[in-house]
Protein backbone atom coordinates (compact mmCIF):
# COMPACT_ATOMS: atom_id res chain seq x y z
CA MET A 1 -0.02 -0.09 0.25
CA MET A 2 1.18 3.53 -0.89
CA TYR A 3 1.17 6.02 2.02
CA THR A 4 1.43 9.71 1.51
CA ALA A 5 3.91 11.57 3.60
CA SER A 6 1.25 13.06 6.09
CA GLU A 7 0.21 9.42 6.61
CA LYS A 8 3.62 7.98 7.17
CA LEU A 9 4.00 10.64 9.76
CA ALA A 10 1.02 9.91 11.52
CA ILE A 11 2.10 6.15 11.56
CA ILE A 12 5.42 7.32 13.29
CA ARG A 13 3.68 9.35 15.64
CA LEU A 14 0.98 6.28 16.38
CA VAL A 15 4.02 4.07 17.13
CA GLU A 16 5.89 6.51 19.37
CA GLU A 17 3.05 7.15 21.44
CA SER A 18 1.83 3.40 21.71
CA GLU A 19 1.81 1.61 24.87
CA LEU A 20 2.56 -1.61 23.04
CA SER A 21 5.98 -2.55 21.66
CA VAL A 22 7.10 -1.44 18.18
CA ARG A 23 6.48 -4.70 16.73
CA ARG A 24 3.43 -5.39 18.17
CA THR A 25 1.99 -1.97 17.11
CA LEU A 26 3.27 -2.48 13.49
CA GLN A 27 1.69 -5.88 13.60
CA GLU A 28 -1.85 -4.18 14.71
CA ILE A 29 -1.63 -1.87 12.00
CA LYS A 30 -0.26 -4.06 9.19
CA VAL A 31 3.05 -1.89 8.60
CA SER A 32 6.24 -3.92 7.82
CA ARG A 33 9.16 -2.99 10.26
CA THR A 34 11.46 -2.66 7.19
CA SER A 35 9.28 0.06 5.77
CA PHE A 36 8.72 1.96 8.99
CA TYR A 37 12.19 2.28 10.00
CA ARG A 38 13.27 3.48 6.40
CA TRP A 39 10.39 6.01 7.17
CA TYR A 40 11.87 6.76 10.47
CA ARG A 41 15.57 7.37 9.30
CA ALA A 42 14.36 9.50 6.46
CA TYR A 43 12.13 11.77 8.98
CA GLU A 44 15.14 12.26 11.17
CA GLU A 45 17.46 13.02 8.50
CA SER A 46 15.04 15.21 6.26
CA GLY A 47 11.92 16.04 8.18
CA LEU A 48 8.66 15.70 6.35
CA ASP A 49 10.08 16.17 2.78
CA GLY A 50 11.98 12.74 3.49
CA LEU A 51 8.73 11.06 3.46
CA GLU A 52 7.61 12.04 0.17
CA ASN A 53 7.26 9.27 -2.27
CA GLN A 54 9.99 9.24 -4.56
CA SER A 55 9.55 8.12 -8.44
CA ARG A 56 10.60 4.46 -9.42
CA ALA A 57 13.14 5.66 -11.52
CA VAL A 58 14.78 7.55 -8.33
CA ARG A 59 14.31 4.63 -6.09
CA GLN A 60 16.20 2.47 -8.62
CA HIS A 61 19.03 5.02 -9.53
CA TRP A 62 21.63 2.52 -8.36
CA ASN A 63 20.91 0.21 -11.57
CA ARG A 64 20.48 2.97 -14.07
CA ILE A 65 23.18 2.37 -16.92
CA PRO A 66 25.65 5.27 -17.31
CA ASP A 67 25.38 7.53 -20.13
CA SER A 68 29.02 6.65 -21.42
CA VAL A 69 27.61 2.79 -21.94
CA ARG A 70 24.46 3.91 -23.24
CA GLU A 71 26.63 6.04 -25.83
CA LEU A 72 28.65 2.82 -26.41
CA ILE A 73 25.67 0.58 -27.01
CA VAL A 74 24.39 2.80 -29.72
CA GLU A 75 27.78 3.26 -31.20
CA VAL A 76 28.51 -0.46 -31.50
CA ALA A 77 24.91 -0.90 -32.71
CA LEU A 78 25.62 1.44 -35.61
CA GLU A 79 28.95 -0.37 -36.29
CA ARG A 80 27.19 -3.81 -36.22
CA PRO A 81 23.58 -3.49 -37.71
CA ASP A 82 23.66 -7.31 -38.29
CA LEU A 83 23.31 -7.83 -34.64
CA THR A 84 20.03 -8.05 -32.93
CA PRO A 85 19.51 -6.40 -29.71
CA ARG A 86 19.92 -9.81 -27.98
CA GLU A 87 23.30 -10.59 -29.94
CA LEU A 88 24.38 -6.95 -29.24
CA ALA A 89 24.02 -7.53 -25.39
CA TRP A 90 26.04 -10.52 -25.39
CA HIS A 91 28.67 -9.12 -27.75
CA ILE A 92 29.17 -5.98 -25.47
CA THR A 93 29.49 -8.38 -22.33
CA ASP A 94 32.04 -10.64 -24.15
CA THR A 95 34.16 -7.90 -25.69
CA HIS A 96 33.74 -4.73 -23.67
CA ASP A 97 33.72 -6.53 -20.08
CA TYR A 98 30.49 -4.88 -18.96
CA PHE A 99 27.11 -6.64 -18.63
CA VAL A 100 24.02 -5.12 -19.96
CA SER A 101 20.76 -7.01 -20.46
CA GLU A 102 18.81 -7.68 -23.51
CA SER A 103 15.80 -6.05 -22.43
CA SER A 104 17.91 -2.70 -21.79
CA VAL A 105 19.63 -2.93 -24.99
CA TYR A 106 16.46 -3.24 -26.89
CA ARG A 107 14.86 -0.23 -24.82
CA LEU A 108 17.75 2.18 -25.83
CA LEU A 109 17.81 1.20 -29.49
CA LYS A 110 14.10 1.56 -29.50
CA ALA A 111 14.27 5.01 -28.15
CA HIS A 112 16.88 5.87 -30.80
CA ASP A 113 14.83 4.35 -33.38
CA LEU A 114 17.26 1.42 -34.31
CA ILE A 115 14.81 -1.30 -34.33
CA THR A 116 14.23 -2.43 -37.50
CA SER A 117 13.01 -6.03 -37.57
CA PRO A 118 10.78 -7.88 -34.74
CA GLN A 119 13.21 -9.65 -32.28
CA PHE A 120 11.01 -12.46 -31.24
CA THR A 121 9.96 -15.69 -33.03
CA VAL A 122 7.21 -18.04 -32.06
CA MET A 123 8.47 -21.63 -31.69
CA SER A 124 5.95 -24.53 -31.77
CA ALA A 125 5.97 -26.97 -29.16
CA SER A 126 6.51 -29.81 -31.44
CA ASP A 127 9.96 -28.07 -32.66
CA ARG A 128 12.16 -29.99 -30.23
CA PHE A 129 13.18 -33.58 -29.93
CA GLN A 130 11.76 -35.51 -27.14
CA ASN A 131 14.94 -37.16 -26.43
CA PRO A 132 17.68 -34.24 -27.35
CA THR A 133 21.17 -35.14 -28.03
CA SER A 134 23.65 -34.52 -24.97
CA ARG A 135 26.82 -34.62 -26.80
CA ILE A 136 28.68 -33.37 -30.25
CA ASN A 137 28.88 -35.84 -33.03
CA GLU A 138 25.86 -37.99 -31.67
CA LEU A 139 23.47 -36.82 -34.60
CA TRP A 140 24.24 -35.01 -37.71
CA GLN A 141 21.71 -33.39 -39.71
CA THR A 142 21.84 -33.21 -43.41
CA ASP A 143 19.91 -31.61 -46.22
CA PHE A 144 20.18 -29.65 -49.84
CA THR A 145 19.17 -26.36 -50.66
CA TYR A 146 19.46 -24.67 -53.87
CA PHE A 147 20.96 -21.01 -55.48
CA ARG A 148 21.05 -19.48 -58.79
CA VAL A 149 24.19 -18.64 -60.59
CA VAL A 150 23.35 -16.14 -63.44
CA GLY A 151 24.27 -17.71 -66.73
CA TRP A 152 25.33 -21.11 -65.14
CA GLY A 153 22.11 -22.28 -63.68
CA TRP A 154 21.11 -23.99 -60.42
CA TYR A 155 23.61 -24.99 -57.74
CA PHE A 156 22.83 -27.15 -54.89
CA LEU A 157 24.19 -26.66 -51.40
CA SER A 158 24.89 -30.11 -49.27
CA THR A 159 25.42 -29.59 -45.60
CA VAL A 160 26.09 -31.32 -42.46
CA LEU A 161 25.15 -29.92 -39.34
CA ASP A 162 26.17 -31.19 -35.76
CA ASP A 163 22.56 -31.39 -33.83
CA TYR A 164 23.86 -30.83 -30.43
CA SER A 165 26.23 -27.51 -31.11
CA ARG A 166 24.60 -26.60 -34.45
CA TYR A 167 27.92 -26.37 -35.93
CA ILE A 168 28.38 -26.57 -39.39
CA ILE A 169 30.89 -29.32 -39.99
CA CYS A 170 31.10 -29.00 -43.69
CA TRP A 171 29.57 -28.11 -46.76
CA ARG A 172 29.79 -29.03 -50.80
CA LEU A 173 28.33 -26.83 -53.50
CA THR A 174 27.31 -29.13 -56.46
CA THR A 175 25.50 -29.25 -59.73
CA SER A 176 23.25 -31.95 -58.68
CA MET A 177 21.54 -33.73 -55.81
CA SER A 178 22.78 -37.43 -56.24
CA ALA A 179 23.62 -39.85 -53.40
CA SER A 180 27.37 -39.71 -54.67
CA ASP A 181 26.95 -35.68 -53.47
CA VAL A 182 25.77 -36.92 -50.07
CA THR A 183 28.04 -39.23 -49.53
CA GLU A 184 31.08 -37.03 -50.73
CA THR A 185 29.63 -34.56 -48.33
CA LEU A 186 29.73 -36.96 -45.49
CA GLU A 187 33.36 -38.37 -46.18
CA ASP A 188 34.32 -34.48 -45.91
CA ALA A 189 32.59 -34.44 -42.58
CA LEU A 190 34.18 -37.62 -41.29
CA ARG A 191 37.61 -36.36 -42.31
CA ALA A 192 37.04 -32.88 -40.47
CA THR A 193 35.99 -34.51 -37.08
CA GLY A 194 38.76 -37.03 -37.35
CA LEU A 195 36.23 -39.83 -37.51
CA PHE A 196 37.60 -41.50 -40.35
CA GLU A 197 40.49 -42.64 -38.59
CA ALA A 198 39.77 -42.41 -35.03
CA LYS A 199 38.04 -45.48 -33.44
CA VAL A 200 35.09 -44.40 -31.56
CA ARG A 201 32.41 -46.44 -29.64
CA HIS A 202 29.57 -45.11 -31.73
CA ARG A 203 29.50 -43.40 -35.06
CA PRO A 204 27.00 -40.18 -35.56
CA ARG A 205 23.47 -41.01 -36.28
CA LEU A 206 22.55 -39.30 -39.75
CA LEU A 207 19.22 -37.54 -39.83
CA SER A 208 17.67 -36.73 -43.14
CA ASP A 209 14.54 -36.06 -45.07
CA ASN A 210 13.25 -38.69 -47.83
CA GLY A 211 14.45 -37.12 -50.92
CA PRO A 212 15.59 -39.45 -53.52
CA CYS A 213 19.25 -39.19 -52.86
CA TYR A 214 18.41 -39.99 -49.34
CA ILE A 215 16.73 -43.16 -49.72
CA SER A 216 18.77 -44.69 -52.46
CA GLY A 217 20.52 -47.99 -52.34
CA GLU A 218 23.96 -46.33 -52.99
CA LEU A 219 23.64 -44.18 -49.97
CA LYS A 220 22.39 -47.09 -47.76
CA SER A 221 25.17 -49.39 -48.77
CA TRP A 222 27.76 -46.53 -47.90
CA LEU A 223 26.40 -45.87 -44.74
CA LYS A 224 26.40 -49.38 -43.60
CA GLN A 225 30.06 -49.47 -44.58
CA GLN A 226 30.62 -46.96 -42.34
CA ASP A 227 28.67 -48.16 -39.62
CA ILE A 228 26.46 -45.03 -39.56
CA GLU A 229 22.61 -45.45 -38.61
CA HIS A 230 20.22 -43.71 -40.85
CA THR A 231 17.18 -41.98 -39.56
CA ARG A 232 14.88 -40.34 -41.92
CA GLY A 233 12.17 -37.72 -40.94
CA ALA A 234 8.35 -38.46 -41.09
CA PRO A 235 7.07 -36.65 -44.12
CA TYR A 236 5.65 -33.20 -43.11
CA HIS A 237 6.46 -33.75 -39.35
CA PRO A 238 7.84 -30.22 -38.15
CA MET A 239 10.05 -31.78 -35.64
CA THR A 240 12.38 -33.36 -38.57
CA GLN A 241 15.42 -31.25 -39.81
CA GLY A 242 14.32 -28.43 -37.95
CA LYS A 243 17.96 -26.83 -37.28
CA ILE A 244 19.26 -27.28 -40.58
CA GLU A 245 16.20 -26.20 -42.31
CA ARG A 246 16.13 -23.02 -39.90
CA TYR A 247 20.23 -22.65 -40.87
CA HIS A 248 19.32 -22.88 -44.61
CA ARG A 249 16.75 -20.25 -44.01
CA SER A 250 18.89 -17.63 -42.13
CA MET A 251 21.91 -18.20 -44.59
CA LYS A 252 19.68 -17.66 -47.84
CA ASN A 253 18.25 -14.56 -46.05
CA VAL A 254 21.61 -12.89 -46.45
CA VAL A 255 23.42 -14.80 -49.17
CA LYS A 256 20.58 -14.23 -51.74
CA LEU A 257 20.66 -10.56 -51.20
CA GLU A 258 23.09 -10.30 -54.07
CA HIS A 259 23.44 -11.94 -57.43
CA TYR A 260 26.07 -14.22 -58.43
CA TYR A 261 27.49 -14.27 -61.95
CA TYR A 262 30.23 -17.02 -61.05
CA PRO A 263 30.22 -20.03 -59.03
CA TRP A 264 33.24 -18.81 -57.40
CA GLU A 265 31.45 -16.09 -56.14
CA LEU A 266 28.74 -17.93 -54.72
CA GLU A 267 31.29 -20.38 -52.74
CA THR A 268 32.85 -17.43 -51.23
CA ALA A 269 29.65 -15.81 -50.00
CA ILE A 270 28.66 -19.25 -48.32
CA THR A 271 32.03 -19.60 -46.87
CA GLU A 272 31.89 -16.25 -45.29
CA TRP A 273 28.46 -17.02 -43.91
CA VAL A 274 29.36 -20.11 -42.50
CA HIS A 275 32.22 -18.61 -40.43
CA HIS A 276 30.12 -16.07 -39.48
CA TYR A 277 27.44 -18.64 -38.48
CA ASN A 278 30.01 -20.94 -36.83
CA HIS A 279 32.11 -18.42 -34.67
CA GLU A 280 30.43 -14.95 -34.52
CA ARG A 281 26.66 -15.63 -34.39
CA TYR A 282 25.12 -15.98 -31.06
CA HIS A 283 22.54 -18.59 -30.58
CA GLU A 284 19.77 -17.98 -28.00
CA SER A 285 19.05 -21.74 -27.73
CA LEU A 286 23.03 -22.33 -27.07
CA ASP A 287 22.98 -20.03 -24.13
CA ASN A 288 23.84 -17.34 -26.52
CA VAL A 289 27.39 -18.43 -27.50
CA THR A 290 28.27 -19.82 -30.75
CA PRO A 291 28.00 -23.18 -32.27
CA ALA A 292 32.03 -23.24 -32.49
CA ASP A 293 32.04 -22.48 -28.45
CA VAL A 294 29.69 -25.35 -27.99
CA TYR A 295 31.57 -27.54 -30.46
CA ALA A 296 34.65 -27.28 -29.06
CA GLY A 297 33.84 -27.20 -25.44
CA ARG A 298 34.03 -23.66 -24.29
CA ARG A 299 30.35 -22.93 -23.50
CA ASN A 300 30.68 -23.40 -19.54
CA ASP A 301 33.81 -21.53 -19.48
CA ILE A 302 32.26 -18.63 -21.01
CA LEU A 303 29.05 -18.76 -19.18
CA ASP A 304 31.30 -18.70 -16.02
CA GLN A 305 33.21 -15.62 -17.11
CA ARG A 306 29.92 -14.02 -18.06
CA ALA A 307 28.72 -14.44 -14.47
CA LEU A 308 31.62 -12.60 -13.10
CA VAL A 309 31.48 -9.58 -15.56
CA LYS A 310 27.74 -9.41 -14.55
CA ALA A 311 28.76 -9.27 -10.84
CA ARG A 312 31.25 -6.75 -11.50
CA THR A 313 29.18 -4.63 -13.22
CA MET A 314 26.21 -4.58 -10.93
CA ALA A 315 28.85 -3.44 -8.30
CA ARG A 316 30.44 -0.89 -10.53
CA ARG A 317 27.25 0.68 -11.54
CA LYS A 318 25.76 0.86 -8.06
CA ILE A 319 28.77 2.86 -6.83
CA HIS A 320 28.71 4.97 -9.89
CA ASN A 321 24.90 5.86 -9.37
CA LEU A 322 25.25 6.38 -5.68
CA ARG A 323 28.15 8.77 -6.21
CA LEU A 324 25.99 10.49 -8.73
CA ALA A 325 23.24 10.96 -6.14
CA GLY A 326 25.39 12.50 -3.65
């Protein structure tokens, strides 16, 4: 309940004149001891003025982001327009040793008219596996997508994504979508992970759709030789290759902004995107670290460091604002 200054003073006088103890009197009038003693100290220090209700912004002044940090956030946002407010918040935490929440960044950028697109997506309940993977190289997702090169025709991109970390292990740009294109991409993945030579208890399982190249006898025979179990998603089921399909959609939203007149131009653009995706793009579903961080086992160290940065930031921010308040 909100009391006016005169009501607070009346409560103070009532407690002072009561024959009961302070605790019993406050219990009877249903006022917390914390509030009463805060009012009492304020009245002793500043009289009736000290009992005036302060605005929420003033009461929480200790947590206000300093102007220098606000300027930094806007500056970085202008330098990196590709980052969403969520990604920008963690980028600043990781690179400037200063914690700032995603919501604070969003509000600040919105106030500067720097929000250009919705920052929230709706995820359906069936968009996750009931038994998610628990380690890298446990399950690989693979799929094709396509691009048009002006004057050359259609090219197809075959990709292998690690399900646990969302790390892009390898990709190939091909002129067809044959079983041999799939096996060559998977051979690249086995080489890149060292699983061609290493003896492991369990080979990665492969998850794909039901395209002709994935249900062919040639691929089935090759997978059997490599001791790789193959799982094909149910048709029209939203839980199948969700991660790699979202990856392809995000990639095409960027890569297809340009026209390509030679295959090597397209390969260069894909190479740059994959590096950005693996090593620079923060994933909300990965605790806002990159796929490379998860794949290399760095996630827990990064999260521990962020917790330290947050604790230091809160302490520094409180001291800064208390000094400003005088």
